[in-house]
């Protein structure tokens, strides 16, 4: 249920912020934010940012023909497929879809940037508009990892949530990031940080998203050696 709620929030973000974050008006949003997120989290994760799970999401919109053209070209991108799994999920409208890339092996910043650039070049060539964001998941040994990250980003907290399982999620706005979403009351957010303490192992998971976390608040795969 929690994962579904977060995913729905991501879709709502795409709908209401598509014009503001349209790629042809603000090129390089995802690439820019990815570099910063990697830099901020690299020392916070137990084995560095390379040994975490990265998920990059694009909410795309276009004619049925344009979407089909983009899908065919993306499926033919052999270089991108070697770095992880690329999936396309249709939304309620025939003219909208969600594109998700998830790393499967040890992540590499330059390779992730290459995937972002190739994917967005294909979307632009196909005449498809899009908005993008990302989520990174991993384990941390710092009990104050969220505080450290917020300080590195220069973020101003705009929202805080804690559920019954002890998961704490906070939303911030950082002027250093390019993306942003409406957070109500005239506020914007572009950095969501969640911490989840596993009951059995006691391990602390750090989940970070820009502008929002997509998916649940757990680390779904084991860290790479």
Protein backbone atom coordinates (compact mmCIF):
# COMPACT_ATOMS: atom_id res chain seq x y z
CA UNK A 1 0.00 0.00 0.00
CA UNK A 2 2.81 2.40 0.92
CA UNK A 3 4.65 1.72 -2.32
CA UNK A 4 1.47 2.38 -4.28
CA UNK A 5 0.95 5.69 -2.53
CA UNK A 6 4.48 6.84 -3.32
CA UNK A 7 4.10 5.77 -6.95
CA UNK A 8 0.83 7.64 -7.27
CA UNK A 9 2.50 10.73 -5.83
CA UNK A 10 5.15 10.42 -8.53
CA UNK A 11 2.52 10.27 -11.26
CA UNK A 12 0.69 13.27 -9.79
CA UNK A 13 4.00 15.13 -9.77
CA UNK A 14 4.46 14.36 -13.46
CA UNK A 15 1.01 15.62 -14.40
CA UNK A 16 1.14 18.89 -12.48
CA UNK A 17 4.76 19.76 -13.21
CA UNK A 18 5.13 18.65 -16.83
CA UNK A 19 5.06 22.20 -18.22
CA UNK A 20 7.52 23.50 -15.63
CA UNK A 21 10.06 20.72 -16.19
CA UNK A 22 9.57 20.17 -19.92
CA UNK A 23 12.85 18.95 -21.33
CA UNK A 24 13.16 21.35 -24.24
CA UNK A 25 12.92 24.31 -21.86
CA UNK A 26 15.26 22.97 -19.16
CA UNK A 27 17.75 20.55 -20.75
CA UNK A 28 19.83 18.31 -18.53
CA UNK A 29 17.64 18.34 -15.41
CA UNK A 30 18.05 14.64 -14.64
CA UNK A 31 21.77 14.59 -15.43
CA UNK A 32 22.41 17.67 -13.30
CA UNK A 33 20.52 16.33 -10.29
CA UNK A 34 22.09 12.87 -10.65
CA UNK A 35 25.61 14.30 -10.35
CA UNK A 36 24.69 16.19 -7.18
CA UNK A 37 22.83 13.27 -5.62
CA UNK A 38 25.79 10.98 -6.27
CA UNK A 39 28.17 13.50 -4.70
CA UNK A 40 26.01 14.03 -1.60
CA UNK A 41 25.31 10.35 -0.90
CA UNK A 42 28.64 8.75 -1.82
CA UNK A 43 30.12 9.13 1.67
CA UNK A 44 26.85 8.37 3.46
CA UNK A 45 26.20 4.89 2.07
CA UNK A 46 28.12 2.07 3.72
CA UNK A 47 29.87 1.06 0.50
CA UNK A 48 29.48 4.26 -1.45
CA UNK A 49 26.96 5.37 -4.07
CA UNK A 50 28.27 2.79 -6.54
CA UNK A 51 27.01 -0.06 -4.35
CA UNK A 52 23.40 1.06 -4.15
CA UNK A 53 20.31 0.64 -6.30
CA UNK A 54 19.57 3.55 -8.62
CA UNK A 55 16.19 4.00 -10.27
CA UNK A 56 15.69 6.69 -12.88
CA UNK A 57 12.15 7.48 -13.98
CA UNK A 58 10.76 9.49 -16.86
CA UNK A 59 7.07 10.29 -17.25
CA UNK A 60 6.58 10.66 -20.97
CA UNK A 61 3.80 12.08 -23.13
CA UNK A 62 3.19 12.14 -26.86
CA UNK A 63 1.09 10.73 -29.65
CA UNK A 64 0.63 6.98 -29.82
CA UNK A 65 2.90 6.82 -32.86
CA UNK A 66 5.62 8.88 -31.16
CA UNK A 67 5.50 6.71 -28.04
CA UNK A 68 5.75 3.55 -30.13
CA UNK A 69 8.71 4.96 -32.02
CA UNK A 70 10.47 5.88 -28.78
CA UNK A 71 9.79 2.44 -27.31
CA UNK A 72 11.28 0.68 -30.34
CA UNK A 73 14.41 2.81 -30.24
CA UNK A 74 14.84 2.39 -26.50
CA UNK A 75 14.54 -1.38 -26.78
CA UNK A 76 17.26 -1.33 -29.43
CA UNK A 77 19.66 0.55 -27.13
CA UNK A 78 22.02 -2.31 -26.34
CA UNK A 79 24.44 -0.14 -24.36
CA UNK A 80 21.70 1.01 -22.01
CA UNK A 81 20.44 -2.53 -21.49
CA UNK A 82 23.87 -3.68 -20.33
CA UNK A 83 23.76 -1.25 -17.41
CA UNK A 84 20.38 -2.27 -16.01
CA UNK A 85 16.73 -2.95 -16.77
CA UNK A 86 14.63 -0.52 -18.78
CA UNK A 87 10.85 -0.94 -18.48
CA UNK A 88 7.93 0.98 -19.97
CA UNK A 89 4.60 1.14 -18.16
CA UNK A 90 1.51 2.59 -19.87
CA UNK A 91 -0.56 4.97 -17.77
CA UNK A 92 -4.30 5.60 -17.92
CA UNK A 93 -4.02 7.66 -21.09
CA UNK A 94 -2.92 6.27 -24.46
CA UNK A 95 -0.66 9.29 -24.75
CA UNK A 96 1.21 8.81 -21.47
CA UNK A 97 3.65 6.23 -20.14
CA UNK A 98 6.27 5.81 -17.45
CA UNK A 99 9.82 4.80 -18.32
CA UNK A 100 11.90 3.24 -15.53
CA UNK A 101 15.59 2.32 -15.58
CA UNK A 102 16.97 0.30 -12.64
CA UNK A 103 20.58 -0.68 -12.11
CA UNK A 104 21.30 -4.39 -11.69
CA UNK A 105 25.06 -4.40 -11.23
CA UNK A 106 27.48 -2.06 -9.51
CA UNK A 107 26.48 1.48 -10.46
CA UNK A 108 28.83 3.85 -12.24
CA UNK A 109 28.13 7.58 -12.35
CA UNK A 110 29.44 8.10 -15.87
CA UNK A 111 27.54 5.10 -17.21
CA UNK A 112 24.34 6.32 -15.54
CA UNK A 113 24.82 9.74 -17.14
CA UNK A 114 25.34 8.05 -20.50
CA UNK A 115 22.06 6.15 -20.05
CA UNK A 116 20.27 9.39 -19.18
CA UNK A 117 21.69 11.24 -22.17
CA UNK A 118 20.96 8.43 -24.65
CA UNK A 119 17.43 7.94 -23.32
CA UNK A 120 16.56 11.62 -23.44
CA UNK A 121 18.09 11.98 -26.91
CA UNK A 122 15.80 9.19 -28.12
CA UNK A 123 12.75 10.79 -26.48
CA UNK A 124 13.54 14.16 -28.05
CA UNK A 125 14.11 12.63 -31.49
CA UNK A 126 10.75 10.85 -31.26
CA UNK A 127 9.02 14.11 -30.37
CA UNK A 128 8.07 12.90 -26.90
CA UNK A 129 7.96 15.33 -23.96
CA UNK A 130 9.04 14.12 -20.55
CA UNK A 131 9.82 14.88 -16.92
CA UNK A 132 12.39 12.94 -14.95
CA UNK A 133 13.52 12.04 -11.47
CA UNK A 134 15.49 9.40 -9.60
CA UNK A 135 15.65 7.35 -6.41
CA UNK A 136 18.67 5.74 -4.77
CA UNK A 137 18.49 3.06 -2.06
CA UNK A 138 21.19 1.66 0.18
CA UNK A 139 22.37 1.00 3.73
CA UNK A 140 24.06 3.59 5.91
CA UNK A 141 26.06 3.38 9.10
CA UNK A 142 25.24 6.97 10.06
CA UNK A 143 22.30 7.45 12.38
CA UNK A 144 22.17 11.09 11.26
CA UNK A 145 22.55 10.38 7.53
CA UNK A 146 19.38 12.29 6.65
CA UNK A 147 20.59 15.36 8.54
CA UNK A 148 24.00 15.18 6.85
CA UNK A 149 22.40 14.90 3.42
CA UNK A 150 20.00 17.78 4.02
CA UNK A 151 22.92 19.95 5.14
CA UNK A 152 24.99 19.05 2.07
CA UNK A 153 22.05 20.00 -0.16
CA UNK A 154 21.38 23.20 1.74
CA UNK A 155 17.79 22.02 1.94
CA UNK A 156 14.94 23.74 3.71
CA UNK A 157 12.45 21.25 5.16
CA UNK A 158 8.90 21.65 3.92
CA UNK A 159 7.29 18.42 5.16
CA UNK A 160 7.86 15.49 7.56
CA UNK A 161 6.12 12.13 7.89
CA UNK A 162 6.59 9.16 10.23
CA UNK A 163 4.64 5.93 9.95
CA UNK A 164 3.91 3.20 12.49
CA UNK A 165 6.87 1.09 11.35
CA UNK A 166 9.26 3.87 12.28
CA UNK A 167 10.01 5.02 8.76
CA UNK A 168 10.73 8.75 8.71
CA UNK A 169 10.34 10.70 5.48
CA UNK A 170 11.20 14.36 5.05
CA UNK A 171 10.79 16.63 2.03
CA UNK A 172 13.15 19.53 1.38
CA UNK A 173 13.71 22.26 -1.14
CA UNK A 174 17.27 22.83 -2.34
CA UNK A 175 18.18 25.66 -4.68
CA UNK A 176 21.06 23.50 -5.93
CA UNK A 177 18.71 21.03 -7.64
CA UNK A 178 16.98 21.78 -10.95
CA UNK A 179 13.79 19.75 -10.41
CA UNK A 180 10.91 20.79 -8.15
CA UNK A 181 7.32 19.92 -7.29
CA UNK A 182 4.49 21.86 -5.72
CA UNK A 183 4.25 21.01 -2.02
CA UNK A 184 1.20 23.09 -1.16
CA UNK A 185 0.81 26.45 0.56
CA UNK A 186 2.98 28.04 -2.09
CA UNK A 187 5.96 25.83 -1.23
CA UNK A 188 8.10 23.64 -3.48
CA UNK A 189 10.08 20.47 -2.78
CA UNK A 190 12.76 18.68 -4.77
CA UNK A 191 14.50 16.34 -2.32
CA UNK A 192 12.84 13.56 -0.33
CA UNK A 193 14.87 11.66 2.26
CA UNK A 194 13.59 8.58 4.08
CA UNK A 195 15.19 6.39 6.75
CA UNK A 196 13.93 2.92 7.61
CA UNK A 197 15.28 0.76 10.44
CA UNK A 198 14.92 -2.97 9.71
CA UNK A 199 13.37 -4.78 12.64
CA UNK A 200 15.36 -8.02 12.50
CA UNK A 201 18.83 -6.88 11.46
CA UNK A 202 18.72 -3.35 12.86
CA UNK A 203 20.27 -2.08 9.63
CA UNK A 204 19.39 1.46 8.62
CA UNK A 205 18.24 2.05 5.06
CA UNK A 206 18.64 5.46 3.45
CA UNK A 207 16.30 6.15 0.52
CA UNK A 208 16.65 9.41 -1.37
CA UNK A 209 14.61 10.77 -4.26
CA UNK A 210 14.59 13.87 -6.37
CA UNK A 211 12.17 15.45 -6.64
CA UNK A 212 10.32 12.58 -4.88
CA UNK A 213 10.94 8.96 -3.95
CA UNK A 214 9.36 6.47 -6.34
CA UNK A 215 8.60 3.02 -4.92
CA UNK A 216 8.65 1.86 -1.31
CA UNK A 217 10.83 2.84 1.64
CA UNK A 218 13.01 -0.28 1.72
CA UNK A 219 16.21 -1.50 0.10
CA UNK A 220 14.97 -4.22 -2.21
CA UNK A 221 18.30 -5.71 -3.29
CA UNK A 222 21.47 -6.70 -1.49
CA UNK A 223 24.35 -4.30 -1.74
CA UNK A 224 27.05 -5.18 -4.22
CA UNK A 225 30.44 -6.35 -2.98
